[in-house]
Protein backbone atom coordinates (compact mmCIF):
# COMPACT_ATOMS: atom_id res chain seq x y z
CA UNK A 1 121.53 62.94 139.83
CA UNK A 2 120.75 66.30 139.26
CA UNK A 3 119.13 65.77 136.24
CA UNK A 4 117.35 62.68 137.44
CA UNK A 5 115.15 64.88 139.86
CA UNK A 6 114.15 67.86 137.38
CA UNK A 7 112.83 64.49 135.13
CA UNK A 8 111.30 63.00 138.16
CA UNK A 9 109.76 66.64 139.63
CA UNK A 10 109.15 68.06 136.21
CA UNK A 11 107.26 65.10 135.34
CA UNK A 12 105.02 64.73 139.36
CA UNK A 13 104.17 68.37 138.31
CA UNK A 14 102.01 67.69 134.93
CA UNK A 15 101.30 64.42 137.08
CA UNK A 16 99.44 67.54 139.56
CA UNK A 17 98.26 69.36 136.05
CA UNK A 18 96.09 66.71 134.93
CA UNK A 19 98.42 65.33 131.86
CA UNK A 20 99.50 62.26 131.03
CA UNK A 21 103.37 61.43 130.37
CA UNK A 22 105.53 58.83 129.54
CA UNK A 23 109.36 57.14 128.85
CA UNK A 24 110.72 58.29 125.68
CA UNK A 25 113.52 57.15 124.23
CA UNK A 26 117.05 59.12 125.25
CA UNK A 27 118.46 61.92 122.99
CA UNK A 28 115.05 61.62 120.48
CA UNK A 29 111.26 62.19 120.52
CA UNK A 30 110.48 58.18 119.93
CA UNK A 31 107.82 56.33 121.80
CA UNK A 32 110.90 54.06 124.22
CA UNK A 33 111.48 50.89 121.86
CA UNK A 34 111.33 48.38 125.30
CA UNK A 35 108.51 45.99 126.21
CA UNK A 36 107.92 48.72 129.12
CA UNK A 37 108.49 51.40 127.72
CA UNK A 38 105.90 50.56 124.56
CA UNK A 39 103.62 49.38 127.82
CA UNK A 40 103.29 53.34 129.68
CA UNK A 41 102.33 54.33 126.53
CA UNK A 42 100.10 52.46 126.10
CA UNK A 43 99.07 53.18 128.94
CA UNK A 44 99.33 56.46 128.48
CA UNK A 45 97.44 56.36 125.52
CA UNK A 46 94.49 55.74 127.44
CA UNK A 47 94.80 58.48 129.25
CA UNK A 48 96.04 56.00 132.08
CA UNK A 49 98.69 58.11 134.05
CA UNK A 50 102.47 56.73 135.50
CA UNK A 51 102.30 56.02 139.44
CA UNK A 52 105.00 57.66 141.29
CA UNK A 53 106.38 54.36 142.30
CA UNK A 54 106.77 54.69 138.38
CA UNK A 55 108.15 56.91 138.23
CA UNK A 56 110.86 56.98 140.63
CA UNK A 57 111.64 54.19 138.10
CA UNK A 58 112.03 54.25 135.49
CA UNK A 59 113.43 58.15 135.40
CA UNK A 60 115.66 57.61 138.61
CA UNK A 61 116.92 54.60 136.72
CA UNK A 62 117.33 55.75 132.94
CA UNK A 63 118.83 58.51 133.32
CA UNK A 64 118.65 59.78 130.27
CA UNK A 65 115.82 59.44 128.62
CA UNK A 66 113.70 62.09 127.28
CA UNK A 67 109.31 62.54 127.95
CA UNK A 68 106.05 62.83 126.41
CA UNK A 69 102.52 64.04 127.30
CA UNK A 70 99.59 62.76 125.45
CA UNK A 71 97.67 65.28 123.40
CA UNK A 72 94.08 65.16 122.84
CA UNK A 73 91.15 64.09 124.70
CA UNK A 74 92.64 61.42 127.01
CA UNK A 75 95.41 63.66 127.65
CA UNK A 76 94.12 66.59 128.38
CA UNK A 77 95.66 68.85 126.44
CA UNK A 78 95.82 70.88 123.62
CA UNK A 79 99.08 72.89 122.76
CA UNK A 80 99.53 74.84 119.58
CA UNK A 81 102.96 75.58 118.24
CA UNK A 82 104.31 79.26 116.38
CA UNK A 83 107.93 78.47 114.56
CA UNK A 84 109.06 81.24 115.92
CA UNK A 85 107.04 85.00 117.48
CA UNK A 86 106.95 86.46 114.33
CA UNK A 87 104.78 84.14 113.08
CA UNK A 88 103.06 84.86 116.51
CA UNK A 89 103.35 88.62 114.97
CA UNK A 90 101.90 88.30 111.94
CA UNK A 91 99.40 86.42 112.82
CA UNK A 92 98.13 89.08 115.68
CA UNK A 93 97.91 92.22 112.19
CA UNK A 94 95.83 89.74 110.67
CA UNK A 95 93.33 89.56 112.18
CA UNK A 96 93.94 92.66 114.07
CA UNK A 97 90.86 94.97 112.57
CA UNK A 98 88.39 92.61 112.39
CA UNK A 99 85.46 93.22 114.07
CA UNK A 100 83.96 89.91 113.77
CA UNK A 101 83.18 89.01 118.05
CA UNK A 102 84.96 85.91 118.03
CA UNK A 103 88.19 87.00 117.19
CA UNK A 104 87.88 90.82 119.14
CA UNK A 105 87.93 87.95 121.50
CA UNK A 106 91.27 85.61 120.03
CA UNK A 107 93.55 89.63 119.79
CA UNK A 108 92.56 89.77 123.21
CA UNK A 109 93.33 86.67 124.08
CA UNK A 110 96.83 86.34 122.25
CA UNK A 111 97.68 89.91 123.59
CA UNK A 112 98.00 88.35 126.57
CA UNK A 113 99.16 84.68 125.68
CA UNK A 114 102.83 84.73 127.19
CA UNK A 115 101.00 84.95 130.55
CA UNK A 116 98.32 82.53 130.30
CA UNK A 117 99.29 79.48 130.05
CA UNK A 118 102.56 77.31 130.35
CA UNK A 119 105.16 78.55 127.19
CA UNK A 120 108.01 76.60 125.89
CA UNK A 121 110.25 76.77 123.40
CA UNK A 122 111.25 73.94 121.64
CA UNK A 123 115.31 72.68 120.84
CA UNK A 124 114.65 73.85 117.02
CA UNK A 125 113.02 77.79 118.64
CA UNK A 126 109.42 77.18 117.82
CA UNK A 127 107.09 78.64 120.59
CA UNK A 128 104.85 76.35 121.96
CA UNK A 129 101.84 77.05 124.24
CA UNK A 130 99.31 74.69 125.53
CA UNK A 131 96.41 74.49 127.21
CA UNK A 132 93.41 71.76 128.63
CA UNK A 133 92.01 69.77 125.83
CA UNK A 134 90.31 72.01 123.45
CA UNK A 135 87.60 70.58 120.17
CA UNK A 136 88.05 74.27 119.48
CA UNK A 137 92.02 73.33 118.10
CA UNK A 138 91.61 70.64 116.04
CA UNK A 139 94.92 68.91 115.22
CA UNK A 140 96.85 70.51 111.66
CA UNK A 141 100.21 69.88 110.40
CA UNK A 142 102.41 73.01 109.77
CA UNK A 143 101.70 74.23 105.36
CA UNK A 144 103.30 76.56 103.93
CA UNK A 145 101.45 76.10 100.76
CA UNK A 146 98.09 75.44 102.13
CA UNK A 147 96.34 77.53 104.52
CA UNK A 148 97.85 81.41 104.74
CA UNK A 149 96.30 82.28 108.16
CA UNK A 150 97.87 79.01 110.04
CA UNK A 151 101.38 79.54 108.46
CA UNK A 152 104.44 78.42 110.72
CA UNK A 153 101.55 77.40 112.89
CA UNK A 154 101.26 73.46 114.53
CA UNK A 155 98.10 72.00 116.75
CA UNK A 156 99.06 69.21 118.34
CA UNK A 157 95.44 67.69 119.48
CA UNK A 158 96.01 63.92 119.27
CA UNK A 159 98.89 61.79 119.07
CA UNK A 160 101.63 63.22 121.33
CA UNK A 161 104.50 66.10 122.20
CA UNK A 162 107.87 66.05 123.76
CA UNK A 163 108.75 67.96 126.72
CA UNK A 164 110.52 69.33 129.06
CA UNK A 165 113.18 69.36 130.31
CA UNK A 166 113.98 66.92 127.18
CA UNK A 167 117.01 66.79 124.75
CA UNK A 168 116.97 66.02 121.61
CA UNK A 169 120.94 65.56 119.69
CA UNK A 170 120.57 65.05 115.83
CA UNK A 171 123.71 64.35 114.57
CA UNK A 172 126.63 66.31 116.74
CA UNK A 173 123.97 69.39 117.39
CA UNK A 174 122.31 69.44 121.25
CA UNK A 175 119.19 70.52 122.32
CA UNK A 176 116.60 71.42 125.31
CA UNK A 177 112.51 72.30 125.82
CA UNK A 178 112.44 74.92 128.18
CA UNK A 179 109.65 75.05 130.25
CA UNK A 180 109.55 79.95 129.35
CA UNK A 181 106.22 79.66 132.29
CA UNK A 182 105.34 77.11 134.14
CA UNK A 183 101.81 77.47 135.17
CA UNK A 184 98.89 75.56 134.57
CA UNK A 185 97.55 74.68 131.79
CA UNK A 186 94.50 77.53 131.09
CA UNK A 187 92.02 76.50 129.25
CA UNK A 188 90.80 77.89 126.07
CA UNK A 189 88.41 79.79 125.35
CA UNK A 190 85.19 78.17 124.18
CA UNK A 191 84.47 81.67 122.17
CA UNK A 192 87.43 81.99 120.19
CA UNK A 193 86.53 80.01 116.77
CA UNK A 194 88.94 80.67 115.15
CA UNK A 195 91.01 77.69 113.76
CA UNK A 196 87.60 75.55 113.22
CA UNK A 197 86.16 77.95 111.70
CA UNK A 198 89.28 78.09 108.91
CA UNK A 199 89.84 74.04 109.01
CA UNK A 200 85.75 73.69 108.39
CA UNK A 201 86.13 75.29 104.49
């Protein structure tokens, strides 16, 4: 019962933050493979939140189901994910001496990142920072061979992510999405065009 209560309370908090949750399959990152689950995902994809009755009925009865959140404009969520703390530190070092105004603001932003917005540790020990949807955070899939400045960085601004307190099972290994800082997702500064500039080249 403890796990169900944690999930229900967390989902209610996500909704209070203006986020859009939906059920995922147990121990998985996949959308729930049922008619009802796909319907809830379809509604979430349009920006429609689950109501309180749906949350309690779904997550109270289906005790092992995971939780997903819509990213992008409909879900009011953009996420920056770093493969590890070293990737974040390296990014800071790369822009530390850049005199561009946007990057000076970005440098100060990175210095305060770990206590300024929602922070998540994924089961594979990646760090996520959640923000309200921002056009300055265009979707980008981590590719170590493509853009040097973005090595080890993924940006989610469309589709969905799996969220705490979900569990993932791979073979015989279990891991959990952990909420390190439960602040409401903050605004990503409009003045920071670091990602849009790089990805527009």
